Amino acid sequence: MEVSHELKTPIAIIKGELEGMIYQVGEYKDRNTYLRHCLKTVNDMEEIVKEILTSARMGGSDFQLIRSDLNVSKLLQKSCQKVSGRIEDKEMELRLDIQPDFHYEGDERLLNKVFSNVIGNAVAYSPKGAVITVSLQDRRFYVENTGIHIAEEDLKRLFTPFYRVDKSRNRNSGGSGLGLYITKMILDHHGLTYRMENTESGVKFSAIF
């Protein structure tokens, strides 16, 4: 039996790898390695499905925010803590400039998604040794990452669904292309202004509460 890596869909890829492990064919004799690989693929697919459902719900005419009084400072600090391991792995520096106890009436689950998307992107798509700055001062939130720049034509399309700056990213290194689109929808529903821009040293996302 021949198992090909040229199969087109993640489901087909998983099926081929599982068959290889079951029948102990060639490189698939190492079941533990490929079981981990299959699990990662399944998790990636699950995340993509969740993001598609999230964007579909927010695009509906009956969608409403669940607003409550939020300590945005604490939410932001927790989001930074969640990526600390990835930052350490890439030998990056995380700089925080977060004012204490800034409050805002917003949807906690969705704003957490915004912070996760923006900070996660900064970590994922910056080179080893980059500096990630997360700031919240005087109602202005921004995340700046050094070591990369984005072409102007790409900046204009970053918030469109399924758009990726680097077309070469595959399913292992790139996301669904929905992260910034969902970020845009969440911020639009909250009535917040936002932008992505190049700076002298890198790229900055900013939003005003």
N, C-alpha and C. Protein backbone atom coordinates (compact mmCIF):
# COMPACT_ATOMS: atom_id res chain seq x y z
N MET A 1 0.85 -1.19 0.00
CA MET A 1 0.00 0.00 0.00
C MET A 1 0.88 1.24 0.00
N GLU A 2 0.52 2.24 -0.79
CA GLU A 2 1.30 3.47 -0.87
C GLU A 2 0.50 4.61 -0.26
N VAL A 3 1.12 5.33 0.66
CA VAL A 3 0.47 6.46 1.31
C VAL A 3 1.12 7.74 0.80
N SER A 4 0.34 8.66 0.23
CA SER A 4 0.88 9.85 -0.39
C SER A 4 0.67 11.08 0.47
N HIS A 5 1.65 11.99 0.47
CA HIS A 5 1.52 13.27 1.17
C HIS A 5 0.82 14.30 0.28
N GLU A 6 0.44 13.93 -0.95
CA GLU A 6 -0.14 14.88 -1.88
C GLU A 6 -1.65 14.92 -1.77
N LEU A 7 -2.25 14.21 -0.79
CA LEU A 7 -3.68 14.24 -0.60
C LEU A 7 -4.11 15.66 -0.29
N LYS A 8 -5.30 16.04 -0.76
CA LYS A 8 -5.65 17.45 -0.79
C LYS A 8 -6.25 18.00 0.50
N THR A 9 -6.97 17.19 1.27
CA THR A 9 -7.66 17.72 2.43
C THR A 9 -7.06 17.19 3.72
N PRO A 10 -7.18 17.93 4.83
CA PRO A 10 -6.68 17.44 6.12
C PRO A 10 -7.29 16.10 6.51
N ILE A 11 -8.58 15.89 6.22
CA ILE A 11 -9.22 14.63 6.57
C ILE A 11 -8.58 13.49 5.78
N ALA A 12 -8.32 13.71 4.50
CA ALA A 12 -7.69 12.68 3.70
C ALA A 12 -6.27 12.40 4.17
N ILE A 13 -5.59 13.45 4.61
CA ILE A 13 -4.23 13.27 5.12
C ILE A 13 -4.25 12.41 6.38
N ILE A 14 -5.16 12.73 7.29
CA ILE A 14 -5.27 11.94 8.52
C ILE A 14 -5.60 10.50 8.19
N LYS A 15 -6.55 10.29 7.28
CA LYS A 15 -6.95 8.93 6.91
C LYS A 15 -5.76 8.15 6.36
N GLY A 16 -4.97 8.80 5.49
CA GLY A 16 -3.81 8.12 4.91
C GLY A 16 -2.78 7.77 5.96
N GLU A 17 -2.55 8.67 6.90
CA GLU A 17 -1.55 8.42 7.94
C GLU A 17 -2.01 7.33 8.89
N LEU A 18 -3.30 7.33 9.23
CA LEU A 18 -3.81 6.28 10.11
C LEU A 18 -3.73 4.91 9.44
N GLU A 19 -4.03 4.87 8.14
CA GLU A 19 -3.91 3.60 7.42
C GLU A 19 -2.47 3.12 7.42
N GLY A 20 -1.54 4.08 7.23
CA GLY A 20 -0.13 3.72 7.25
C GLY A 20 0.30 3.14 8.58
N MET A 21 -0.20 3.73 9.67
CA MET A 21 0.16 3.22 10.99
C MET A 21 -0.47 1.86 11.27
N ILE A 22 -1.72 1.71 10.85
CA ILE A 22 -2.41 0.43 11.06
C ILE A 22 -1.69 -0.72 10.37
N TYR A 23 -1.29 -0.46 9.13
CA TYR A 23 -0.63 -1.51 8.35
C TYR A 23 0.89 -1.48 8.47
N GLN A 24 1.40 -0.53 9.28
CA GLN A 24 2.84 -0.40 9.54
C GLN A 24 3.64 -0.32 8.24
N VAL A 25 3.26 0.66 7.42
CA VAL A 25 3.90 0.83 6.12
C VAL A 25 4.99 1.90 6.22
N GLY A 26 6.20 1.58 5.78
CA GLY A 26 7.29 2.53 5.65
C GLY A 26 7.47 3.42 6.85
N GLU A 27 7.49 4.74 6.60
CA GLU A 27 7.76 5.70 7.67
C GLU A 27 6.67 5.70 8.73
N TYR A 28 5.51 5.18 8.44
CA TYR A 28 4.41 5.18 9.39
C TYR A 28 4.52 4.09 10.45
N LYS A 29 5.63 3.37 10.46
CA LYS A 29 5.84 2.40 11.53
C LYS A 29 5.99 3.10 12.89
N ASP A 30 6.44 4.35 12.85
CA ASP A 30 6.58 5.13 14.08
C ASP A 30 5.21 5.71 14.44
N ARG A 31 4.40 4.90 15.11
CA ARG A 31 3.01 5.29 15.36
C ARG A 31 2.90 6.51 16.27
N ASN A 32 3.74 6.58 17.28
CA ASN A 32 3.63 7.68 18.24
C ASN A 32 3.83 9.03 17.57
N THR A 33 4.84 9.10 16.68
CA THR A 33 5.11 10.34 15.97
C THR A 33 3.91 10.77 15.15
N TYR A 34 3.33 9.85 14.41
CA TYR A 34 2.24 10.22 13.51
C TYR A 34 0.90 10.36 14.22
N LEU A 35 0.74 9.71 15.36
CA LEU A 35 -0.45 9.97 16.15
C LEU A 35 -0.45 11.40 16.67
N ARG A 36 0.73 11.87 17.10
CA ARG A 36 0.84 13.27 17.53
C ARG A 36 0.55 14.21 16.37
N HIS A 37 1.05 13.84 15.20
CA HIS A 37 0.83 14.66 14.00
C HIS A 37 -0.66 14.72 13.66
N CYS A 38 -1.33 13.57 13.74
CA CYS A 38 -2.77 13.52 13.45
C CYS A 38 -3.55 14.35 14.46
N LEU A 39 -3.16 14.27 15.73
CA LEU A 39 -3.85 15.04 16.76
C LEU A 39 -3.72 16.53 16.50
N LYS A 40 -2.52 16.97 16.10
CA LYS A 40 -2.33 18.39 15.79
C LYS A 40 -3.22 18.81 14.63
N THR A 41 -3.31 17.96 13.60
CA THR A 41 -4.13 18.29 12.45
C THR A 41 -5.59 18.39 12.83
N VAL A 42 -6.06 17.46 13.67
CA VAL A 42 -7.44 17.49 14.12
C VAL A 42 -7.71 18.75 14.95
N ASN A 43 -6.78 19.10 15.83
CA ASN A 43 -6.94 20.31 16.63
C ASN A 43 -6.98 21.56 15.76
N ASP A 44 -6.13 21.60 14.73
CA ASP A 44 -6.12 22.73 13.81
C ASP A 44 -7.46 22.84 13.08
N MET A 45 -7.98 21.69 12.64
CA MET A 45 -9.27 21.69 11.94
C MET A 45 -10.39 22.16 12.87
N GLU A 46 -10.34 21.71 14.12
CA GLU A 46 -11.36 22.12 15.09
C GLU A 46 -11.34 23.62 15.28
N GLU A 47 -10.14 24.21 15.37
CA GLU A 47 -10.02 25.65 15.56
C GLU A 47 -10.55 26.40 14.34
N ILE A 48 -10.28 25.90 13.14
CA ILE A 48 -10.78 26.54 11.93
C ILE A 48 -12.31 26.53 11.91
N VAL A 49 -12.90 25.37 12.25
CA VAL A 49 -14.36 25.26 12.28
C VAL A 49 -14.95 26.25 13.30
N LYS A 50 -14.32 26.36 14.47
CA LYS A 50 -14.80 27.29 15.49
C LYS A 50 -14.75 28.73 14.98
N GLU A 51 -13.68 29.08 14.26
CA GLU A 51 -13.54 30.44 13.76
C GLU A 51 -14.58 30.73 12.67
N ILE A 52 -14.84 29.74 11.82
CA ILE A 52 -15.87 29.91 10.79
C ILE A 52 -17.23 30.13 11.44
N LEU A 53 -17.55 29.34 12.46
CA LEU A 53 -18.83 29.48 13.16
C LEU A 53 -18.93 30.82 13.87
N THR A 54 -17.82 31.26 14.47
CA THR A 54 -17.81 32.55 15.16
C THR A 54 -18.09 33.68 14.18
N SER A 55 -17.41 33.68 13.04
CA SER A 55 -17.61 34.74 12.06
C SER A 55 -19.02 34.70 11.48
N ALA A 56 -19.56 33.50 11.30
CA ALA A 56 -20.93 33.37 10.77
C ALA A 56 -21.94 33.93 11.76
N ARG A 57 -21.77 33.63 13.05
CA ARG A 57 -22.69 34.14 14.06
C ARG A 57 -22.64 35.66 14.13
N MET A 58 -21.45 36.22 14.11
CA MET A 58 -21.34 37.67 14.22
C MET A 58 -21.84 38.38 12.97
N GLY A 59 -21.86 37.68 11.86
CA GLY A 59 -22.37 38.27 10.63
C GLY A 59 -23.88 38.25 10.53
N GLY A 60 -24.54 37.56 11.45
CA GLY A 60 -26.00 37.48 11.43
C GLY A 60 -26.66 38.76 11.91
N SER A 61 -27.85 39.03 11.40
CA SER A 61 -28.56 40.26 11.74
C SER A 61 -29.05 40.28 13.19
N ASP A 62 -29.16 39.10 13.80
CA ASP A 62 -29.68 39.03 15.16
C ASP A 62 -28.57 38.93 16.21
N PHE A 63 -27.33 39.11 15.80
CA PHE A 63 -26.22 38.98 16.75
C PHE A 63 -26.20 40.16 17.71
N GLN A 64 -25.98 39.88 18.98
CA GLN A 64 -25.88 40.93 20.00
C GLN A 64 -24.72 40.64 20.94
N LEU A 65 -24.05 41.71 21.34
CA LEU A 65 -22.98 41.58 22.32
C LEU A 65 -23.56 41.30 23.71
N ILE A 66 -22.80 40.61 24.53
CA ILE A 66 -23.15 40.42 25.94
C ILE A 66 -22.21 41.32 26.73
N ARG A 67 -22.65 42.52 27.00
CA ARG A 67 -21.78 43.51 27.63
C ARG A 67 -21.81 43.41 29.15
N SER A 68 -20.66 43.65 29.75
CA SER A 68 -20.55 43.74 31.21
C SER A 68 -19.35 44.62 31.53
N ASP A 69 -19.24 45.02 32.77
CA ASP A 69 -18.10 45.84 33.19
C ASP A 69 -16.85 44.96 33.26
N LEU A 70 -15.84 45.30 32.48
CA LEU A 70 -14.63 44.47 32.38
C LEU A 70 -13.41 45.23 32.87
N ASN A 71 -12.55 44.52 33.58
CA ASN A 71 -11.23 45.05 33.90
C ASN A 71 -10.32 44.63 32.74
N VAL A 72 -10.22 45.49 31.75
CA VAL A 72 -9.48 45.18 30.53
C VAL A 72 -8.00 44.95 30.83
N SER A 73 -7.48 45.65 31.80
CA SER A 73 -6.07 45.49 32.16
C SER A 73 -5.76 44.05 32.56
N LYS A 74 -6.64 43.46 33.38
CA LYS A 74 -6.42 42.08 33.81
C LYS A 74 -6.61 41.09 32.66
N LEU A 75 -7.60 41.35 31.81
CA LEU A 75 -7.82 40.47 30.66
C LEU A 75 -6.58 40.45 29.76
N LEU A 76 -6.03 41.62 29.55
CA LEU A 76 -4.87 41.74 28.69
C LEU A 76 -3.65 41.06 29.28
N GLN A 77 -3.46 41.20 30.57
CA GLN A 77 -2.33 40.54 31.24
C GLN A 77 -2.45 39.02 31.16
N LYS A 78 -3.67 38.50 31.29
CA LYS A 78 -3.88 37.06 31.18
C LYS A 78 -3.58 36.57 29.77
N SER A 79 -3.95 37.34 28.76
CA SER A 79 -3.65 36.96 27.39
C SER A 79 -2.15 36.90 27.15
N CYS A 80 -1.43 37.82 27.75
CA CYS A 80 0.03 37.82 27.62
C CYS A 80 0.65 36.60 28.30
N GLN A 81 0.10 36.23 29.44
CA GLN A 81 0.61 35.06 30.16
C GLN A 81 0.45 33.78 29.34
N LYS A 82 -0.63 33.70 28.57
CA LYS A 82 -0.91 32.49 27.79
C LYS A 82 0.12 32.25 26.69
N VAL A 83 0.78 33.31 26.21
CA VAL A 83 1.76 33.15 25.14
C VAL A 83 3.19 33.18 25.66
N SER A 84 3.36 33.22 26.98
CA SER A 84 4.71 33.35 27.55
C SER A 84 5.60 32.18 27.17
N GLY A 85 5.04 30.97 27.09
CA GLY A 85 5.84 29.81 26.70
C GLY A 85 6.34 29.91 25.28
N ARG A 86 5.47 30.34 24.36
CA ARG A 86 5.87 30.51 22.96
C ARG A 86 6.92 31.60 22.81
N ILE A 87 6.77 32.67 23.58
CA ILE A 87 7.74 33.76 23.54
C ILE A 87 9.10 33.28 24.02
N GLU A 88 9.10 32.48 25.07
CA GLU A 88 10.36 31.93 25.59
C GLU A 88 11.00 30.99 24.57
N ASP A 89 10.19 30.16 23.92
CA ASP A 89 10.71 29.22 22.93
C ASP A 89 11.39 29.94 21.77
N LYS A 90 10.86 31.10 21.39
CA LYS A 90 11.43 31.85 20.26
C LYS A 90 12.44 32.90 20.72
N GLU A 91 12.80 32.84 22.01
CA GLU A 91 13.80 33.76 22.56
C GLU A 91 13.43 35.21 22.30
N MET A 92 12.15 35.52 22.47
CA MET A 92 11.66 36.88 22.28
C MET A 92 11.65 37.63 23.60
N GLU A 93 11.48 38.93 23.50
CA GLU A 93 11.33 39.76 24.69
C GLU A 93 9.92 40.34 24.69
N LEU A 94 9.21 40.18 25.81
CA LEU A 94 7.87 40.74 25.95
C LEU A 94 7.94 41.96 26.86
N ARG A 95 7.51 43.10 26.35
CA ARG A 95 7.48 44.33 27.13
C ARG A 95 6.03 44.74 27.37
N LEU A 96 5.67 44.92 28.62
CA LEU A 96 4.30 45.29 28.99
C LEU A 96 4.25 46.71 29.53
N ASP A 97 3.27 47.46 29.05
CA ASP A 97 3.04 48.83 29.53
C ASP A 97 1.53 48.99 29.70
N ILE A 98 0.99 48.32 30.71
CA ILE A 98 -0.46 48.22 30.90
C ILE A 98 -0.87 48.98 32.15
N GLN A 99 -1.67 50.01 31.97
CA GLN A 99 -2.15 50.75 33.13
C GLN A 99 -3.07 49.87 33.97
N PRO A 100 -3.05 50.02 35.29
CA PRO A 100 -3.88 49.17 36.14
C PRO A 100 -5.35 49.56 36.12
N ASP A 101 -6.20 48.56 36.21
CA ASP A 101 -7.65 48.75 36.45
C ASP A 101 -8.33 49.66 35.44
N PHE A 102 -8.04 49.45 34.15
CA PHE A 102 -8.82 50.16 33.13
C PHE A 102 -10.08 49.36 32.85
N HIS A 103 -11.24 49.99 32.98
CA HIS A 103 -12.53 49.31 32.82
C HIS A 103 -13.24 49.75 31.54
N TYR A 104 -14.02 48.81 30.99
CA TYR A 104 -14.76 49.08 29.76
C TYR A 104 -15.97 48.15 29.71
N GLU A 105 -17.09 48.66 29.21
CA GLU A 105 -18.30 47.84 29.06
C GLU A 105 -18.23 47.10 27.72
N GLY A 106 -17.92 45.82 27.78
CA GLY A 106 -17.79 45.06 26.55
C GLY A 106 -18.10 43.59 26.74
N ASP A 107 -17.99 42.85 25.65
CA ASP A 107 -18.24 41.40 25.67
C ASP A 107 -16.93 40.71 26.02
N GLU A 108 -16.87 40.12 27.21
CA GLU A 108 -15.61 39.56 27.70
C GLU A 108 -15.06 38.47 26.79
N ARG A 109 -15.89 37.55 26.39
CA ARG A 109 -15.42 36.42 25.57
C ARG A 109 -14.84 36.92 24.25
N LEU A 110 -15.52 37.89 23.64
CA LEU A 110 -15.07 38.37 22.33
C LEU A 110 -13.83 39.25 22.43
N LEU A 111 -13.76 40.08 23.46
CA LEU A 111 -12.55 40.90 23.61
C LEU A 111 -11.34 40.04 23.96
N ASN A 112 -11.55 38.97 24.71
CA ASN A 112 -10.46 38.02 24.93
C ASN A 112 -9.98 37.44 23.61
N LYS A 113 -10.91 37.21 22.69
CA LYS A 113 -10.55 36.69 21.38
C LYS A 113 -9.70 37.70 20.60
N VAL A 114 -10.06 38.97 20.71
CA VAL A 114 -9.26 40.01 20.07
C VAL A 114 -7.83 40.01 20.58
N PHE A 115 -7.69 40.03 21.91
CA PHE A 115 -6.34 40.04 22.49
C PHE A 115 -5.56 38.80 22.09
N SER A 116 -6.21 37.65 22.13
CA SER A 116 -5.55 36.40 21.77
C SER A 116 -5.10 36.41 20.32
N ASN A 117 -5.97 36.89 19.42
CA ASN A 117 -5.63 36.92 18.00
C ASN A 117 -4.45 37.85 17.71
N VAL A 118 -4.54 39.06 18.24
CA VAL A 118 -3.53 40.07 17.91
C VAL A 118 -2.17 39.72 18.52
N ILE A 119 -2.16 39.36 19.80
CA ILE A 119 -0.90 39.00 20.45
C ILE A 119 -0.35 37.70 19.87
N GLY A 120 -1.23 36.73 19.62
CA GLY A 120 -0.79 35.47 19.04
C GLY A 120 -0.17 35.65 17.67
N ASN A 121 -0.76 36.51 16.84
CA ASN A 121 -0.19 36.79 15.52
C ASN A 121 1.19 37.43 15.63
N ALA A 122 1.31 38.36 16.57
CA ALA A 122 2.60 39.04 16.74
C ALA A 122 3.70 38.05 17.10
N VAL A 123 3.36 37.09 17.93
CA VAL A 123 4.35 36.08 18.33
C VAL A 123 4.62 35.10 17.18
N ALA A 124 3.56 34.65 16.53
CA ALA A 124 3.69 33.62 15.51
C ALA A 124 4.47 34.08 14.29
N TYR A 125 4.27 35.33 13.89
CA TYR A 125 4.82 35.77 12.62
C TYR A 125 6.01 36.72 12.76
N SER A 126 6.59 36.77 13.95
CA SER A 126 7.81 37.54 14.15
C SER A 126 9.00 36.59 14.22
N PRO A 127 10.17 37.07 13.83
CA PRO A 127 11.35 36.21 13.85
C PRO A 127 11.87 35.96 15.26
N LYS A 128 12.69 34.97 15.37
CA LYS A 128 13.34 34.66 16.64
C LYS A 128 14.08 35.89 17.15
N GLY A 129 13.91 36.17 18.45
CA GLY A 129 14.59 37.30 19.06
C GLY A 129 13.87 38.63 18.95
N ALA A 130 12.67 38.62 18.37
CA ALA A 130 11.91 39.87 18.21
C ALA A 130 11.46 40.41 19.56
N VAL A 131 11.08 41.67 19.57
CA VAL A 131 10.52 42.32 20.76
C VAL A 131 9.03 42.53 20.54
N ILE A 132 8.21 42.04 21.48
CA ILE A 132 6.77 42.22 21.43
C ILE A 132 6.38 43.20 22.53
N THR A 133 5.78 44.31 22.15
CA THR A 133 5.34 45.31 23.13
C THR A 133 3.82 45.34 23.17
N VAL A 134 3.27 45.18 24.37
CA VAL A 134 1.82 45.24 24.58
C VAL A 134 1.55 46.41 25.50
N SER A 135 0.74 47.35 25.02
CA SER A 135 0.52 48.58 25.77
C SER A 135 -0.97 48.89 25.88
N LEU A 136 -1.36 49.43 27.03
CA LEU A 136 -2.71 49.95 27.25
C LEU A 136 -2.59 51.19 28.12
N GLN A 137 -2.71 52.34 27.50
CA GLN A 137 -2.58 53.61 28.21
C GLN A 137 -3.58 54.62 27.64
N ASP A 138 -4.28 55.31 28.52
CA ASP A 138 -5.21 56.38 28.10
C ASP A 138 -6.18 55.91 27.03
N ARG A 139 -6.77 54.74 27.23
CA ARG A 139 -7.79 54.16 26.35
C ARG A 139 -7.22 53.61 25.04
N ARG A 140 -5.92 53.70 24.86
CA ARG A 140 -5.31 53.23 23.62
C ARG A 140 -4.57 51.92 23.87
N PHE A 141 -4.96 50.91 23.11
CA PHE A 141 -4.35 49.58 23.18
C PHE A 141 -3.54 49.35 21.91
N TYR A 142 -2.30 48.86 22.08
CA TYR A 142 -1.54 48.48 20.88
C TYR A 142 -0.61 47.31 21.17
N VAL A 143 -0.32 46.59 20.10
CA VAL A 143 0.67 45.52 20.12
C VAL A 143 1.63 45.78 18.96
N GLU A 144 2.90 45.89 19.27
CA GLU A 144 3.91 46.12 18.24
C GLU A 144 4.94 45.00 18.29
N ASN A 145 5.27 44.45 17.14
CA ASN A 145 6.30 43.41 17.05
C ASN A 145 7.37 43.83 16.07
N THR A 146 8.62 43.60 16.44
CA THR A 146 9.75 44.04 15.63
C THR A 146 10.20 42.94 14.68
N GLY A 147 11.00 43.36 13.70
CA GLY A 147 11.67 42.39 12.83
C GLY A 147 10.95 42.07 11.54
N ILE A 148 9.75 42.60 11.32
CA ILE A 148 9.03 42.35 10.08
C ILE A 148 8.33 43.63 9.62
N HIS A 149 8.01 43.69 8.34
CA HIS A 149 7.17 44.74 7.79
C HIS A 149 6.18 44.09 6.81
N ILE A 150 5.06 44.75 6.57
CA ILE A 150 4.02 44.24 5.69
C ILE A 150 3.87 45.20 4.52
N ALA A 151 3.84 44.66 3.31
CA ALA A 151 3.69 45.50 2.12
C ALA A 151 2.37 46.28 2.20
N GLU A 152 2.36 47.49 1.65
CA GLU A 152 1.19 48.36 1.75
C GLU A 152 -0.05 47.71 1.14
N GLU A 153 0.12 47.00 0.02
CA GLU A 153 -1.04 46.36 -0.60
C GLU A 153 -1.63 45.26 0.28
N ASP A 154 -0.75 44.63 1.09
CA ASP A 154 -1.24 43.61 2.02
C ASP A 154 -1.90 44.23 3.23
N LEU A 155 -1.40 45.37 3.70
CA LEU A 155 -2.00 46.05 4.84
C LEU A 155 -3.47 46.35 4.59
N LYS A 156 -3.80 46.71 3.36
CA LYS A 156 -5.17 47.08 3.02
C LYS A 156 -6.13 45.89 3.07
N ARG A 157 -5.58 44.66 3.01
CA ARG A 157 -6.44 43.48 2.92
C ARG A 157 -6.33 42.56 4.13
N LEU A 158 -5.61 42.99 5.14
CA LEU A 158 -5.37 42.13 6.30
C LEU A 158 -6.64 41.70 7.02
N PHE A 159 -7.66 42.56 6.99
CA PHE A 159 -8.88 42.27 7.75
C PHE A 159 -9.96 41.62 6.90
N THR A 160 -9.62 41.14 5.71
CA THR A 160 -10.58 40.42 4.88
C THR A 160 -10.47 38.93 5.18
N PRO A 161 -11.57 38.18 5.07
CA PRO A 161 -11.55 36.75 5.45
C PRO A 161 -10.65 35.93 4.56
N PHE A 162 -9.93 35.00 5.17
CA PHE A 162 -9.07 34.01 4.53
C PHE A 162 -7.86 34.61 3.83
N TYR A 163 -7.55 35.88 4.13
CA TYR A 163 -6.40 36.50 3.48
C TYR A 163 -5.14 36.25 4.29
N ARG A 164 -4.06 35.85 3.61
CA ARG A 164 -2.77 35.65 4.25
C ARG A 164 -1.72 36.46 3.52
N VAL A 165 -0.88 37.13 4.29
CA VAL A 165 0.19 37.91 3.68
C VAL A 165 1.18 37.00 2.98
N ASP A 166 1.58 35.92 3.66
CA ASP A 166 2.55 34.97 3.11
C ASP A 166 1.78 33.82 2.48
N LYS A 167 1.68 33.80 1.15
CA LYS A 167 0.90 32.77 0.47
C LYS A 167 1.54 31.40 0.59
N SER A 168 2.80 31.34 1.02
CA SER A 168 3.50 30.06 1.11
C SER A 168 3.21 29.32 2.41
N ARG A 169 2.52 29.98 3.36
CA ARG A 169 2.24 29.31 4.62
C ARG A 169 1.33 28.12 4.40
N ASN A 170 1.72 26.98 4.96
CA ASN A 170 0.90 25.78 4.83
C ASN A 170 0.11 25.55 6.09
N ARG A 171 -0.56 24.42 6.15
CA ARG A 171 -1.43 24.15 7.29
C ARG A 171 -0.66 23.98 8.59
N ASN A 172 0.67 23.76 8.52
CA ASN A 172 1.46 23.58 9.73
C ASN A 172 1.93 24.90 10.30
N SER A 173 2.17 25.89 9.43
CA SER A 173 2.75 27.14 9.90
C SER A 173 1.79 28.31 9.87
N GLY A 174 0.67 28.18 9.18
CA GLY A 174 -0.26 29.28 9.08
C GLY A 174 -1.60 28.96 9.70
N GLY A 175 -2.38 30.01 9.97
CA GLY A 175 -3.69 29.79 10.55
C GLY A 175 -4.77 29.68 9.49
N SER A 176 -6.00 29.97 9.89
CA SER A 176 -7.13 29.83 8.98
C SER A 176 -7.28 31.04 8.06
N GLY A 177 -6.63 32.14 8.39
CA GLY A 177 -6.85 33.37 7.64
C GLY A 177 -8.08 34.13 8.11
N LEU A 178 -8.65 33.70 9.24
CA LEU A 178 -9.86 34.34 9.77
C LEU A 178 -9.61 35.17 11.03
N GLY A 179 -8.43 35.04 11.62
CA GLY A 179 -8.17 35.68 12.91
C GLY A 179 -8.39 37.18 12.90
N LEU A 180 -7.78 37.88 11.95
CA LEU A 180 -7.92 39.33 11.92
C LEU A 180 -9.30 39.76 11.41
N TYR A 181 -9.92 38.93 10.58
CA TYR A 181 -11.28 39.22 10.14
C TYR A 181 -12.24 39.17 11.33
N ILE A 182 -12.08 38.14 12.18
CA ILE A 182 -12.91 38.05 13.38
C ILE A 182 -12.61 39.20 14.33
N THR A 183 -11.34 39.57 14.45
CA THR A 183 -10.96 40.74 15.26
C THR A 183 -11.68 41.98 14.77
N LYS A 184 -11.69 42.19 13.46
CA LYS A 184 -12.38 43.34 12.87
C LYS A 184 -13.87 43.32 13.21
N MET A 185 -14.51 42.17 13.08
CA MET A 185 -15.94 42.08 13.35
C MET A 185 -16.26 42.39 14.81
N ILE A 186 -15.42 41.86 15.71
CA ILE A 186 -15.64 42.11 17.14
C ILE A 186 -15.50 43.59 17.45
N LEU A 187 -14.45 44.21 16.94
CA LEU A 187 -14.23 45.63 17.22
C LEU A 187 -15.29 46.49 16.56
N ASP A 188 -15.74 46.11 15.37
CA ASP A 188 -16.83 46.85 14.71
C ASP A 188 -18.10 46.79 15.54
N HIS A 189 -18.42 45.62 16.08
CA HIS A 189 -19.62 45.48 16.91
C HIS A 189 -19.52 46.33 18.17
N HIS A 190 -18.31 46.50 18.69
CA HIS A 190 -18.11 47.34 19.87
C HIS A 190 -18.01 48.83 19.52
N GLY A 191 -17.94 49.14 18.24
CA GLY A 191 -17.82 50.54 17.82
C GLY A 191 -16.45 51.13 18.07
N LEU A 192 -15.42 50.27 18.07
CA LEU A 192 -14.05 50.73 18.33
C LEU A 192 -13.29 50.94 17.03
N THR A 193 -12.44 51.96 17.01
CA THR A 193 -11.58 52.19 15.84
C THR A 193 -10.28 51.42 16.01
N TYR A 194 -9.68 51.01 14.91
CA TYR A 194 -8.48 50.18 14.95
C TYR A 194 -7.71 50.33 13.64
N ARG A 195 -6.45 49.93 13.67
CA ARG A 195 -5.64 49.98 12.45
C ARG A 195 -4.42 49.09 12.60
N MET A 196 -3.85 48.73 11.46
CA MET A 196 -2.58 48.01 11.41
C MET A 196 -1.64 48.85 10.55
N GLU A 197 -0.42 49.06 11.04
CA GLU A 197 0.51 49.92 10.32
C GLU A 197 1.94 49.44 10.52
N ASN A 198 2.78 49.81 9.56
CA ASN A 198 4.21 49.58 9.70
C ASN A 198 4.82 50.70 10.54
N THR A 199 5.79 50.34 11.36
CA THR A 199 6.56 51.33 12.11
C THR A 199 8.01 51.22 11.67
N GLU A 200 8.84 52.04 12.26
CA GLU A 200 10.26 52.01 11.89
C GLU A 200 10.88 50.64 12.16
N SER A 201 10.45 50.00 13.24
CA SER A 201 11.09 48.74 13.65
C SER A 201 10.24 47.50 13.41
N GLY A 202 8.99 47.67 13.00
CA GLY A 202 8.16 46.48 12.83
C GLY A 202 6.74 46.80 12.39
N VAL A 203 5.77 46.12 13.02
CA VAL A 203 4.37 46.26 12.70
C VAL A 203 3.58 46.53 13.97
N LYS A 204 2.58 47.43 13.90
CA LYS A 204 1.80 47.76 15.08
C LYS A 204 0.31 47.67 14.78
N PHE A 205 -0.40 46.95 15.67
CA PHE A 205 -1.86 46.97 15.67
C PHE A 205 -2.31 47.85 16.82
N SER A 206 -3.29 48.74 16.58
CA SER A 206 -3.77 49.60 17.64
C SER A 206 -5.28 49.73 17.58
N ALA A 207 -5.88 49.97 18.74
CA ALA A 207 -7.32 50.18 18.85
C ALA A 207 -7.58 51.19 19.97
N ILE A 208 -8.66 51.93 19.82
CA ILE A 208 -9.02 52.95 20.82
C ILE A 208 -10.32 52.54 21.50
N PHE A 209 -10.29 52.45 22.84
CA PHE A 209 -11.49 52.13 23.61
C PHE A 209 -12.27 53.40 23.91
